[in-house]
Amino acid sequence: MTFTIEYEQEDDGRWLAEELELQGVLAYGQTSEEAIASAQALALRALADRLEHGEKTAVSVPSDEFQDLLEDIEDLAAAAERRDEPAIQHDELLARLKTGKVYGKGK
């Protein structure tokens, strides 16, 4: 999905990026790339939240990007459903996979 992002460097050196079509979607970063990526992620979350709460938001999406947008929204919804689950470190997950003790299985 393509967002219209405007960005500038603040006096303190941080970068501020704002998605112009979604009110309140702005993010800071140490680099312009980091600020833009954060603003894009926030824009996707804002759209998903609005959809989840029944708000209608008009967005123009090229047809070749539509499937990617749907997948991003599904990923965000899955992450939101699991946000209260306890997190484990990546190394611990790898160890569990090696021993077969994922999801309580194994010995």
N, C-alpha and C. Protein backbone atom coordinates (compact mmCIF):
# COMPACT_ATOMS: atom_id res chain seq x y z
N MET A 1 0.84 -1.17 0.00
CA MET A 1 0.00 0.00 0.00
C MET A 1 0.89 1.23 0.00
N THR A 2 0.47 2.24 -0.69
CA THR A 2 1.24 3.48 -0.77
C THR A 2 0.62 4.54 0.13
N PHE A 3 1.43 5.14 0.97
CA PHE A 3 0.99 6.23 1.82
C PHE A 3 1.68 7.52 1.37
N THR A 4 1.04 8.63 1.63
CA THR A 4 1.64 9.93 1.35
C THR A 4 2.31 10.41 2.63
N ILE A 5 3.63 10.29 2.68
CA ILE A 5 4.39 10.61 3.88
C ILE A 5 5.20 11.89 3.64
N GLU A 6 5.05 12.82 4.56
CA GLU A 6 5.86 14.03 4.56
C GLU A 6 6.80 13.93 5.76
N TYR A 7 8.07 14.27 5.58
CA TYR A 7 9.00 14.16 6.70
C TYR A 7 9.97 15.32 6.71
N GLU A 8 10.47 15.61 7.92
CA GLU A 8 11.43 16.70 8.09
C GLU A 8 12.27 16.43 9.33
N GLN A 9 13.43 17.06 9.36
CA GLN A 9 14.31 16.89 10.52
C GLN A 9 14.02 18.02 11.50
N GLU A 10 13.85 17.65 12.76
CA GLU A 10 13.57 18.60 13.83
C GLU A 10 14.88 19.26 14.27
N ASP A 11 14.77 20.34 15.05
CA ASP A 11 15.96 21.05 15.54
C ASP A 11 16.85 20.16 16.42
N ASP A 12 16.22 19.20 17.11
CA ASP A 12 16.99 18.33 18.00
C ASP A 12 17.65 17.16 17.26
N GLY A 13 17.49 17.10 15.93
CA GLY A 13 18.13 16.06 15.13
C GLY A 13 17.24 14.88 14.79
N ARG A 14 16.14 14.70 15.53
CA ARG A 14 15.22 13.60 15.23
C ARG A 14 14.45 13.92 13.95
N TRP A 15 13.93 12.86 13.32
CA TRP A 15 13.13 13.02 12.12
C TRP A 15 11.67 12.79 12.48
N LEU A 16 10.79 13.58 11.88
CA LEU A 16 9.35 13.45 12.08
C LEU A 16 8.73 13.13 10.73
N ALA A 17 7.94 12.07 10.69
CA ALA A 17 7.24 11.68 9.47
C ALA A 17 5.74 11.66 9.76
N GLU A 18 4.95 12.17 8.81
CA GLU A 18 3.51 12.24 8.99
C GLU A 18 2.81 11.73 7.74
N GLU A 19 1.81 10.87 7.92
CA GLU A 19 0.98 10.40 6.82
C GLU A 19 -0.10 11.45 6.64
N LEU A 20 -0.17 12.06 5.48
CA LEU A 20 -1.00 13.24 5.28
C LEU A 20 -2.49 12.95 5.16
N GLU A 21 -2.87 11.74 4.80
CA GLU A 21 -4.28 11.45 4.58
C GLU A 21 -4.99 10.86 5.80
N LEU A 22 -4.25 10.49 6.82
CA LEU A 22 -4.83 9.93 8.04
C LEU A 22 -4.47 10.83 9.21
N GLN A 23 -5.44 11.52 9.73
CA GLN A 23 -5.22 12.49 10.80
C GLN A 23 -4.58 11.83 12.02
N GLY A 24 -3.54 12.47 12.54
CA GLY A 24 -2.90 12.00 13.76
C GLY A 24 -1.85 10.93 13.57
N VAL A 25 -1.54 10.56 12.33
CA VAL A 25 -0.54 9.52 12.09
C VAL A 25 0.80 10.19 11.83
N LEU A 26 1.60 10.24 12.90
CA LEU A 26 2.96 10.77 12.77
C LEU A 26 3.87 10.02 13.70
N ALA A 27 5.15 9.97 13.34
CA ALA A 27 6.10 9.18 14.12
C ALA A 27 7.49 9.82 14.03
N TYR A 28 8.26 9.63 15.08
CA TYR A 28 9.64 10.11 15.12
C TYR A 28 10.60 8.95 14.86
N GLY A 29 11.80 9.29 14.42
CA GLY A 29 12.85 8.30 14.23
C GLY A 29 14.20 8.97 14.30
N GLN A 30 15.23 8.16 14.52
CA GLN A 30 16.60 8.68 14.54
C GLN A 30 17.09 9.00 13.13
N THR A 31 16.49 8.33 12.13
CA THR A 31 16.81 8.60 10.73
C THR A 31 15.50 8.85 9.99
N SER A 32 15.58 9.41 8.80
CA SER A 32 14.37 9.64 8.02
C SER A 32 13.71 8.31 7.67
N GLU A 33 14.52 7.30 7.35
CA GLU A 33 13.99 5.99 6.99
C GLU A 33 13.22 5.36 8.16
N GLU A 34 13.77 5.49 9.37
CA GLU A 34 13.13 4.94 10.56
C GLU A 34 11.80 5.65 10.83
N ALA A 35 11.79 6.97 10.69
CA ALA A 35 10.56 7.74 10.92
C ALA A 35 9.50 7.38 9.88
N ILE A 36 9.90 7.23 8.63
CA ILE A 36 8.95 6.88 7.57
C ILE A 36 8.39 5.49 7.80
N ALA A 37 9.24 4.53 8.12
CA ALA A 37 8.78 3.16 8.37
C ALA A 37 7.82 3.12 9.55
N SER A 38 8.13 3.88 10.60
CA SER A 38 7.25 3.92 11.77
C SER A 38 5.90 4.55 11.42
N ALA A 39 5.91 5.60 10.61
CA ALA A 39 4.66 6.24 10.21
C ALA A 39 3.83 5.31 9.34
N GLN A 40 4.48 4.56 8.45
CA GLN A 40 3.75 3.60 7.62
C GLN A 40 3.12 2.51 8.47
N ALA A 41 3.86 1.99 9.43
CA ALA A 41 3.32 0.95 10.32
C ALA A 41 2.16 1.49 11.13
N LEU A 42 2.31 2.71 11.63
CA LEU A 42 1.24 3.33 12.40
C LEU A 42 0.01 3.57 11.53
N ALA A 43 0.20 3.95 10.27
CA ALA A 43 -0.92 4.15 9.35
C ALA A 43 -1.68 2.86 9.13
N LEU A 44 -0.97 1.74 8.98
CA LEU A 44 -1.63 0.44 8.83
C LEU A 44 -2.42 0.08 10.08
N ARG A 45 -1.82 0.33 11.25
CA ARG A 45 -2.54 0.05 12.50
C ARG A 45 -3.77 0.93 12.63
N ALA A 46 -3.66 2.20 12.25
CA ALA A 46 -4.80 3.12 12.33
C ALA A 46 -5.93 2.66 11.41
N LEU A 47 -5.58 2.23 10.21
CA LEU A 47 -6.61 1.73 9.28
C LEU A 47 -7.26 0.46 9.83
N ALA A 48 -6.44 -0.46 10.35
CA ALA A 48 -6.99 -1.70 10.91
C ALA A 48 -7.91 -1.40 12.09
N ASP A 49 -7.51 -0.47 12.95
CA ASP A 49 -8.33 -0.10 14.10
C ASP A 49 -9.65 0.50 13.66
N ARG A 50 -9.60 1.37 12.68
CA ARG A 50 -10.83 1.99 12.18
C ARG A 50 -11.76 0.95 11.57
N LEU A 51 -11.19 0.01 10.83
CA LEU A 51 -12.00 -1.05 10.24
C LEU A 51 -12.62 -1.93 11.33
N GLU A 52 -11.82 -2.24 12.34
CA GLU A 52 -12.29 -3.09 13.44
C GLU A 52 -13.45 -2.44 14.18
N HIS A 53 -13.44 -1.12 14.27
CA HIS A 53 -14.50 -0.40 14.99
C HIS A 53 -15.60 0.10 14.07
N GLY A 54 -15.62 -0.38 12.84
CA GLY A 54 -16.71 -0.06 11.93
C GLY A 54 -16.64 1.30 11.28
N GLU A 55 -15.54 2.00 11.45
CA GLU A 55 -15.40 3.30 10.80
C GLU A 55 -15.10 3.09 9.32
N LYS A 56 -15.70 3.91 8.52
CA LYS A 56 -15.44 3.83 7.09
C LYS A 56 -14.42 4.90 6.72
N THR A 57 -13.37 4.46 6.08
CA THR A 57 -12.30 5.36 5.66
C THR A 57 -12.03 5.12 4.19
N ALA A 58 -12.14 6.16 3.40
CA ALA A 58 -11.87 6.03 1.97
C ALA A 58 -10.36 6.05 1.74
N VAL A 59 -9.88 5.03 1.06
CA VAL A 59 -8.46 4.92 0.74
C VAL A 59 -8.34 4.41 -0.69
N SER A 60 -7.52 5.06 -1.48
CA SER A 60 -7.26 4.60 -2.84
C SER A 60 -6.09 3.63 -2.82
N VAL A 61 -6.33 2.42 -3.31
CA VAL A 61 -5.29 1.40 -3.32
C VAL A 61 -5.20 0.81 -4.71
N PRO A 62 -4.02 0.87 -5.31
CA PRO A 62 -3.86 0.20 -6.62
C PRO A 62 -4.18 -1.28 -6.48
N SER A 63 -4.80 -1.84 -7.49
CA SER A 63 -5.25 -3.23 -7.40
C SER A 63 -4.10 -4.20 -7.15
N ASP A 64 -2.91 -3.91 -7.67
CA ASP A 64 -1.80 -4.83 -7.46
C ASP A 64 -1.28 -4.80 -6.01
N GLU A 65 -1.65 -3.78 -5.23
CA GLU A 65 -1.24 -3.69 -3.84
C GLU A 65 -2.34 -4.14 -2.88
N PHE A 66 -3.54 -4.38 -3.40
CA PHE A 66 -4.68 -4.68 -2.55
C PHE A 66 -4.47 -5.97 -1.75
N GLN A 67 -3.98 -7.02 -2.38
CA GLN A 67 -3.75 -8.30 -1.68
C GLN A 67 -2.73 -8.13 -0.57
N ASP A 68 -1.67 -7.37 -0.83
CA ASP A 68 -0.67 -7.12 0.21
C ASP A 68 -1.30 -6.40 1.40
N LEU A 69 -2.18 -5.45 1.13
CA LEU A 69 -2.86 -4.72 2.20
C LEU A 69 -3.72 -5.67 3.03
N LEU A 70 -4.46 -6.54 2.37
CA LEU A 70 -5.29 -7.50 3.10
C LEU A 70 -4.44 -8.39 3.99
N GLU A 71 -3.31 -8.85 3.48
CA GLU A 71 -2.42 -9.69 4.28
C GLU A 71 -1.86 -8.92 5.47
N ASP A 72 -1.50 -7.64 5.26
CA ASP A 72 -1.01 -6.82 6.37
C ASP A 72 -2.08 -6.65 7.45
N ILE A 73 -3.31 -6.42 7.03
CA ILE A 73 -4.41 -6.25 7.98
C ILE A 73 -4.66 -7.55 8.75
N GLU A 74 -4.62 -8.69 8.05
CA GLU A 74 -4.79 -9.98 8.72
C GLU A 74 -3.66 -10.23 9.73
N ASP A 75 -2.43 -9.87 9.36
CA ASP A 75 -1.30 -10.02 10.29
C ASP A 75 -1.49 -9.15 11.52
N LEU A 76 -1.94 -7.90 11.31
CA LEU A 76 -2.17 -7.00 12.44
C LEU A 76 -3.28 -7.52 13.34
N ALA A 77 -4.34 -8.06 12.74
CA ALA A 77 -5.45 -8.61 13.53
C ALA A 77 -4.97 -9.80 14.35
N ALA A 78 -4.16 -10.67 13.75
CA ALA A 78 -3.63 -11.83 14.48
C ALA A 78 -2.73 -11.38 15.63
N ALA A 79 -1.91 -10.38 15.39
CA ALA A 79 -1.04 -9.85 16.45
C ALA A 79 -1.87 -9.24 17.58
N ALA A 80 -2.93 -8.53 17.22
CA ALA A 80 -3.79 -7.91 18.23
C ALA A 80 -4.48 -8.97 19.08
N GLU A 81 -4.90 -10.06 18.48
CA GLU A 81 -5.55 -11.14 19.22
C GLU A 81 -4.59 -11.78 20.22
N ARG A 82 -3.30 -11.78 19.90
CA ARG A 82 -2.31 -12.47 20.74
C ARG A 82 -1.53 -11.53 21.63
N ARG A 83 -1.90 -10.26 21.69
CA ARG A 83 -1.09 -9.28 22.41
C ARG A 83 -0.98 -9.56 23.90
N ASP A 84 -1.93 -10.29 24.48
CA ASP A 84 -1.88 -10.57 25.92
C ASP A 84 -1.16 -11.87 26.25
N GLU A 85 -0.73 -12.61 25.23
CA GLU A 85 0.01 -13.84 25.46
C GLU A 85 1.42 -13.52 25.95
N PRO A 86 1.95 -14.35 26.83
CA PRO A 86 3.33 -14.09 27.28
C PRO A 86 4.31 -14.26 26.12
N ALA A 87 5.28 -13.40 26.08
CA ALA A 87 6.30 -13.45 25.02
C ALA A 87 7.46 -14.33 25.47
N ILE A 88 8.12 -14.95 24.49
CA ILE A 88 9.35 -15.70 24.79
C ILE A 88 10.45 -15.17 23.88
N GLN A 89 11.67 -15.33 24.34
CA GLN A 89 12.81 -14.87 23.57
C GLN A 89 13.03 -15.79 22.37
N HIS A 90 13.63 -15.26 21.33
CA HIS A 90 13.89 -16.01 20.10
C HIS A 90 14.73 -17.25 20.39
N ASP A 91 15.78 -17.11 21.21
CA ASP A 91 16.65 -18.24 21.55
C ASP A 91 15.86 -19.35 22.23
N GLU A 92 14.93 -18.96 23.12
CA GLU A 92 14.11 -19.97 23.80
C GLU A 92 13.21 -20.71 22.82
N LEU A 93 12.64 -19.97 21.86
CA LEU A 93 11.80 -20.60 20.84
C LEU A 93 12.60 -21.61 20.02
N LEU A 94 13.80 -21.23 19.62
CA LEU A 94 14.64 -22.15 18.86
C LEU A 94 14.95 -23.40 19.66
N ALA A 95 15.24 -23.23 20.95
CA ALA A 95 15.53 -24.38 21.80
C ALA A 95 14.31 -25.29 21.91
N ARG A 96 13.14 -24.69 22.06
CA ARG A 96 11.90 -25.49 22.13
C ARG A 96 11.66 -26.24 20.83
N LEU A 97 11.91 -25.59 19.72
CA LEU A 97 11.71 -26.25 18.43
C LEU A 97 12.65 -27.44 18.27
N LYS A 98 13.89 -27.27 18.72
CA LYS A 98 14.87 -28.36 18.60
C LYS A 98 14.50 -29.55 19.47
N THR A 99 13.87 -29.29 20.62
CA THR A 99 13.53 -30.39 21.53
C THR A 99 12.10 -30.88 21.35
N GLY A 100 11.34 -30.20 20.49
CA GLY A 100 9.96 -30.61 20.26
C GLY A 100 9.00 -30.16 21.35
N LYS A 101 9.40 -29.23 22.19
CA LYS A 101 8.57 -28.78 23.30
C LYS A 101 7.82 -27.49 22.97
N VAL A 102 7.31 -27.41 21.77
CA VAL A 102 6.52 -26.25 21.36
C VAL A 102 5.07 -26.52 21.71
N TYR A 103 4.39 -25.52 22.25
CA TYR A 103 2.98 -25.64 22.63
C TYR A 103 2.76 -26.79 23.62
N GLY A 104 3.72 -27.00 24.50
CA GLY A 104 3.55 -28.00 25.54
C GLY A 104 3.76 -29.43 25.09
N LYS A 105 4.16 -29.64 23.85
CA LYS A 105 4.37 -31.00 23.34
C LYS A 105 5.81 -31.43 23.64
N GLY A 106 6.03 -32.68 23.61
CA GLY A 106 7.38 -33.20 23.83
C GLY A 106 7.60 -33.54 25.29
N LYS A 107 8.82 -33.98 25.60
CA LYS A 107 9.13 -34.42 26.97
C LYS A 107 10.00 -33.44 27.67
